[in-house]
Amino acid sequence: MTTISIRLEDQDKRALDSMCSDMGMSLSTFFTIYAKRALRDRKIPFEVTAPEDPFYSEKNMKWLDASWKQIEEGKVITKTLDELEAMTNA
């Protein structure tokens, strides 16, 4: 094993840390994956992506569309804040 030092701008390092965390890995794992893949394929770049923002997932977008349709069709129940609070205290 050997140790490699890499210089990155602080903001790039923080962003890369965050992205790797979203993928469930450390920076060390990220660079190891990168090196092994580059050696295997004998080329760069390659793509490793972070998960999509769950708000924009296909499932959530369908749910939002269905909810909006219910609103447009008047199939909603509205309550005041006082009514909602009364429901929680019942």
Protein backbone atom coordinates (compact mmCIF):
# COMPACT_ATOMS: atom_id res chain seq x y z
CA MET A 1 0.00 0.00 0.00
CA THR A 2 1.06 3.54 -0.66
CA THR A 3 -0.27 6.93 0.37
CA ILE A 4 -1.01 9.66 -2.17
CA SER A 5 -1.60 13.32 -1.35
CA ILE A 6 -3.93 15.28 -3.60
CA ARG A 7 -4.41 19.03 -3.52
CA LEU A 8 -7.97 20.26 -4.08
CA GLU A 9 -9.68 23.56 -3.55
CA ASP A 10 -11.46 23.52 -0.18
CA GLN A 11 -14.90 23.93 -1.77
CA ASP A 12 -14.20 21.09 -4.24
CA LYS A 13 -13.09 18.80 -1.43
CA ARG A 14 -16.23 19.56 0.59
CA ALA A 15 -18.43 18.97 -2.46
CA LEU A 16 -16.64 15.71 -3.29
CA ASP A 17 -16.92 14.57 0.35
CA SER A 18 -20.66 15.25 0.22
CA MET A 19 -21.14 13.44 -3.09
CA CYS A 20 -19.16 10.41 -1.88
CA SER A 21 -21.18 10.36 1.33
CA ASP A 22 -24.39 10.35 -0.76
CA MET A 23 -23.02 7.24 -2.49
CA GLY A 24 -22.03 5.62 0.80
CA MET A 25 -18.27 5.80 0.32
CA SER A 26 -15.20 7.65 1.54
CA LEU A 27 -12.86 9.80 -0.56
CA SER A 28 -10.26 7.03 -0.33
CA THR A 29 -12.76 4.53 -1.76
CA PHE A 30 -13.69 7.01 -4.51
CA PHE A 31 -10.07 7.41 -5.64
CA THR A 32 -9.42 3.66 -5.40
CA ILE A 33 -12.47 2.94 -7.60
CA TYR A 34 -11.32 5.62 -10.05
CA ALA A 35 -7.78 4.21 -10.28
CA LYS A 36 -8.86 0.57 -10.65
CA ARG A 37 -11.43 1.42 -13.32
CA ALA A 38 -8.96 3.58 -15.28
CA LEU A 39 -6.39 0.78 -15.16
CA ARG A 40 -8.92 -1.87 -16.21
CA ASP A 41 -10.46 0.14 -19.09
CA ARG A 42 -7.23 1.92 -20.03
CA LYS A 43 -9.21 5.15 -20.40
CA ILE A 44 -10.71 8.05 -18.55
CA PRO A 45 -13.18 9.54 -17.86
CA PHE A 46 -15.83 7.19 -16.54
CA GLU A 47 -19.12 7.90 -14.85
CA VAL A 48 -20.08 7.33 -11.22
CA THR A 49 -23.25 9.18 -10.28
CA ALA A 50 -24.91 10.16 -7.04
CA PRO A 51 -28.51 9.18 -6.44
CA GLU A 52 -31.13 11.47 -7.90
CA ASP A 53 -32.80 13.98 -5.61
CA PRO A 54 -35.78 11.99 -4.25
CA PHE A 55 -38.10 14.96 -4.73
CA TYR A 56 -37.69 14.63 -8.50
CA SER A 57 -37.98 10.84 -8.55
CA GLU A 58 -40.47 9.32 -10.97
CA LYS A 59 -42.56 7.98 -8.07
CA ASN A 60 -42.79 11.35 -6.33
CA MET A 61 -43.56 13.21 -9.56
CA LYS A 62 -46.47 10.81 -10.21
CA TRP A 63 -47.72 11.38 -6.67
CA LEU A 64 -47.51 15.16 -7.11
CA ASP A 65 -49.34 14.98 -10.46
CA ALA A 66 -52.12 12.88 -8.87
CA SER A 67 -52.35 15.30 -5.95
CA TRP A 68 -52.55 18.29 -8.26
CA LYS A 69 -55.31 16.56 -10.27
CA GLN A 70 -57.28 16.04 -7.04
CA ILE A 71 -56.90 19.73 -6.23
CA GLU A 72 -58.09 20.74 -9.70
CA GLU A 73 -61.10 18.41 -9.37
CA GLY A 74 -62.00 19.87 -5.98
CA LYS A 75 -61.37 16.58 -4.20
CA VAL A 76 -59.60 18.13 -1.25
CA ILE A 77 -60.55 18.79 2.34
CA THR A 78 -59.45 22.08 3.80
CA LYS A 79 -59.08 22.78 7.50
CA THR A 80 -57.99 25.80 9.45
CA LEU A 81 -55.00 25.61 11.75
CA ASP A 82 -57.36 25.68 14.73
CA GLU A 83 -59.30 22.71 13.32
CA LEU A 84 -56.09 20.74 12.78
CA GLU A 85 -54.84 21.51 16.28
CA ALA A 86 -58.20 20.43 17.71
CA MET A 87 -57.86 17.11 15.85
CA THR A 88 -54.45 16.46 17.43
CA ASN A 89 -55.75 17.25 20.91
CA ALA A 90 -58.76 14.96 20.63
